[in-house]
Amino acid sequence: MISKPSRHCTVELQALPSRIGQVRRIVSAQLRYWHLDFLIDRAALGVTELLTNVHRHAEPDKLCTVEIELLLDRLTVSVHDNDPRLPVVQDAEISATCGRGLAMVAAVSESWGARPHGDSGKVVWFTLPAHSDPVAVPKRSRYDAGHRPAARRRSRAEHAPARSAVAG
């Protein structure tokens, strides 16, 4: 059990490739500070994919805010941007070089979702269990108001390391 009931970190940035790498390093350092080293790979992958979506798709600008919050035994990572369009999960062709970001976020997280934020904009988020359970259990994935069926249990050995096309 985590001794402090809530911890919070916020970073505002332009979602440019060089800044995405910096935010990934900030998230990693914050998780080390909170003694959550075992979450670094999954949190860094998830935030990279969400920021890459802002970089590639967000309009009218690339300005966004990344928030990580540790509340009891749950880490939530969220990205707020100024584009009201909610993301769409794609079934990428096997030879496609992009289009798998949200599917990867869903695969490594316990839950995830997207919701409108204010008059214009959205928040895309994912959660990770903040305990060192050897089995990653994605309980459910949420997209907008709908729910997807629960994923099967996976051991850490089944998770291959993922790489991002974003430098940093």
Protein backbone atom coordinates (compact mmCIF):
# COMPACT_ATOMS: atom_id res chain seq x y z
CA MET A 1 0.00 0.00 0.00
CA ILE A 2 1.23 3.48 -0.79
CA SER A 3 1.68 5.68 2.26
CA LYS A 4 0.60 9.02 0.76
CA PRO A 5 -3.04 9.10 -0.42
CA SER A 6 -2.47 11.26 -3.54
CA ARG A 7 0.43 12.50 -5.63
CA HIS A 8 0.20 14.63 -8.76
CA CYS A 9 2.48 15.93 -11.55
CA THR A 10 1.52 18.15 -14.51
CA VAL A 11 3.53 19.12 -17.60
CA GLU A 12 2.36 21.55 -20.31
CA LEU A 13 3.98 21.32 -23.72
CA GLN A 14 3.76 21.52 -27.48
CA ALA A 15 3.50 17.90 -28.68
CA LEU A 16 6.59 17.98 -30.87
CA PRO A 17 8.90 14.95 -31.20
CA SER A 18 11.69 16.48 -29.12
CA ARG A 19 9.27 17.47 -26.36
CA ILE A 20 7.65 14.02 -26.31
CA GLY A 21 11.01 12.47 -25.41
CA GLN A 22 11.47 15.04 -22.64
CA VAL A 23 8.04 14.28 -21.17
CA ARG A 24 8.76 10.55 -21.28
CA ARG A 25 11.92 11.21 -19.24
CA ILE A 26 9.98 13.43 -16.79
CA VAL A 27 7.34 10.73 -16.28
CA SER A 28 10.07 8.12 -15.74
CA ALA A 29 11.87 10.32 -13.21
CA GLN A 30 8.62 11.05 -11.33
CA LEU A 31 7.78 7.35 -11.12
CA ARG A 32 11.29 6.60 -9.81
CA TYR A 33 10.79 9.33 -7.18
CA TRP A 34 7.48 7.69 -6.15
CA HIS A 35 9.27 4.28 -6.04
CA LEU A 36 7.14 2.95 -8.90
CA ASP A 37 10.00 1.87 -11.15
CA PHE A 38 8.05 -1.22 -12.27
CA LEU A 39 5.52 1.09 -14.03
CA ILE A 40 8.04 3.13 -16.01
CA ASP A 41 8.02 1.11 -19.24
CA ARG A 42 4.24 0.92 -19.52
CA ALA A 43 3.66 4.54 -18.47
CA ALA A 44 6.36 5.83 -20.83
CA LEU A 45 4.95 3.80 -23.73
CA GLY A 46 1.41 5.00 -23.05
CA VAL A 47 2.27 8.68 -22.70
CA THR A 48 4.45 8.49 -25.83
CA GLU A 49 1.60 7.05 -27.87
CA LEU A 50 -0.93 9.60 -26.59
CA LEU A 51 1.43 12.51 -27.27
CA THR A 52 2.26 11.13 -30.71
CA ASN A 53 -1.47 11.18 -31.49
CA VAL A 54 -1.62 14.85 -30.44
CA HIS A 55 1.40 15.58 -32.64
CA ARG A 56 -0.08 13.78 -35.65
CA HIS A 57 -3.76 14.60 -35.37
CA ALA A 58 -4.63 17.48 -33.02
CA GLU A 59 -6.02 20.70 -34.42
CA PRO A 60 -5.96 23.73 -34.12
CA ASP A 61 -2.66 23.44 -32.23
CA LYS A 62 -0.34 20.93 -30.57
CA LEU A 63 -0.57 22.47 -27.10
CA CYS A 64 -1.41 19.90 -24.46
CA THR A 65 -1.11 19.03 -20.80
CA VAL A 66 0.10 15.71 -19.42
CA GLU A 67 -1.02 14.78 -15.92
CA ILE A 68 0.06 11.84 -13.87
CA GLU A 69 -1.74 11.17 -10.64
CA LEU A 70 -1.15 8.49 -8.07
CA LEU A 71 -4.27 7.97 -6.01
CA LEU A 72 -4.00 5.15 -3.47
CA ASP A 73 -3.09 2.12 -5.61
CA ARG A 74 -3.86 3.51 -9.09
CA LEU A 75 -1.70 5.58 -11.45
CA THR A 76 -3.65 7.63 -13.99
CA VAL A 77 -1.90 9.23 -16.94
CA SER A 78 -3.94 11.70 -18.98
CA VAL A 79 -3.31 13.99 -21.94
CA HIS A 80 -5.54 17.03 -22.47
CA ASP A 81 -5.48 18.76 -25.87
CA ASN A 82 -7.55 21.40 -27.71
CA ASP A 83 -9.00 19.13 -30.39
CA PRO A 84 -12.59 18.04 -29.64
CA ARG A 85 -12.43 14.98 -31.93
CA LEU A 86 -12.26 11.78 -29.91
CA PRO A 87 -9.68 9.22 -31.03
CA VAL A 88 -10.69 6.16 -33.01
CA VAL A 89 -9.10 2.76 -32.45
CA GLN A 90 -7.93 1.40 -35.79
CA ASP A 91 -7.43 -2.15 -36.95
CA ALA A 92 -4.04 -1.62 -38.57
CA GLU A 93 -2.97 -3.82 -41.45
CA ILE A 94 -0.07 -6.12 -40.61
CA SER A 95 2.27 -4.11 -42.88
CA ALA A 96 1.11 -0.69 -41.61
CA THR A 97 3.75 1.52 -40.01
CA CYS A 98 1.27 3.44 -37.84
CA GLY A 99 -2.24 3.12 -36.42
CA ARG A 100 -1.55 0.88 -33.43
CA GLY A 101 -1.02 3.50 -30.70
CA LEU A 102 -4.35 3.24 -28.90
CA ALA A 103 -4.35 -0.54 -29.21
CA MET A 104 -0.94 -0.58 -27.52
CA VAL A 105 -2.20 1.74 -24.77
CA ALA A 106 -5.15 -0.62 -24.23
CA ALA A 107 -2.84 -3.65 -24.17
CA VAL A 108 -0.48 -2.31 -21.50
CA SER A 109 -3.00 -0.51 -19.29
CA GLU A 110 -5.63 -1.62 -16.83
CA SER A 111 -8.22 0.71 -18.39
CA TRP A 112 -8.27 3.68 -20.75
CA GLY A 113 -10.71 6.10 -22.27
CA ALA A 114 -11.40 9.43 -23.92
CA ARG A 115 -13.88 12.13 -23.01
CA PRO A 116 -14.70 15.67 -24.11
CA HIS A 117 -13.05 18.40 -22.03
CA GLY A 118 -14.65 21.81 -21.79
CA ASP A 119 -16.13 23.55 -24.83
CA SER A 120 -13.36 22.37 -27.13
CA GLY A 121 -10.84 19.71 -26.41
CA LYS A 122 -10.60 16.24 -24.96
CA VAL A 123 -8.82 14.12 -22.40
CA VAL A 124 -7.40 10.72 -23.28
CA TRP A 125 -6.29 8.70 -20.26
CA PHE A 126 -5.12 5.31 -19.06
CA THR A 127 -4.63 3.68 -15.68
CA LEU A 128 -2.04 1.30 -14.28
CA PRO A 129 -2.19 -0.59 -10.97
CA ALA A 130 0.39 0.90 -8.60
CA HIS A 131 1.39 -2.33 -6.90
CA SER A 132 4.01 -4.78 -8.05
CA ASP A 133 1.62 -7.60 -8.93
CA PRO A 134 3.46 -10.03 -11.23
CA VAL A 135 0.36 -10.38 -13.42
CA ALA A 136 -0.86 -7.42 -15.46
CA VAL A 137 -4.64 -7.56 -15.51
CA PRO A 138 -6.38 -5.22 -17.96
CA LYS A 139 -9.82 -5.18 -16.33
CA ARG A 140 -11.61 -3.26 -19.06
CA SER A 141 -11.05 -0.75 -21.78
CA ARG A 142 -13.30 2.24 -22.09
CA TYR A 143 -13.79 4.32 -25.16
CA ASP A 144 -16.08 7.31 -24.96
CA ALA A 145 -19.29 5.99 -23.36
CA GLY A 146 -18.91 2.40 -24.57
CA HIS A 147 -17.15 -0.52 -22.95
CA ARG A 148 -15.07 -3.25 -24.49
CA PRO A 149 -14.85 -6.80 -23.15
CA ALA A 150 -12.14 -7.54 -20.61
CA ALA A 151 -8.81 -8.77 -21.94
CA ARG A 152 -7.36 -12.07 -20.81
CA ARG A 153 -4.74 -12.19 -18.06
CA ARG A 154 -1.19 -11.89 -19.27
CA SER A 155 2.03 -12.55 -17.45
CA ARG A 156 4.85 -10.05 -17.69
CA ALA A 157 6.80 -12.62 -19.70
CA GLU A 158 4.18 -12.38 -22.46
CA HIS A 159 4.69 -8.63 -22.88
CA ALA A 160 7.34 -7.95 -25.49
CA PRO A 161 9.14 -4.61 -25.17
CA ALA A 162 7.50 -2.01 -27.39
CA ARG A 163 9.30 0.71 -29.25
CA SER A 164 8.03 4.05 -30.46
CA ALA A 165 8.88 5.82 -33.68
CA VAL A 166 9.27 9.08 -31.73
CA ALA A 167 12.88 9.98 -30.97
CA GLY A 168 13.93 10.69 -27.39
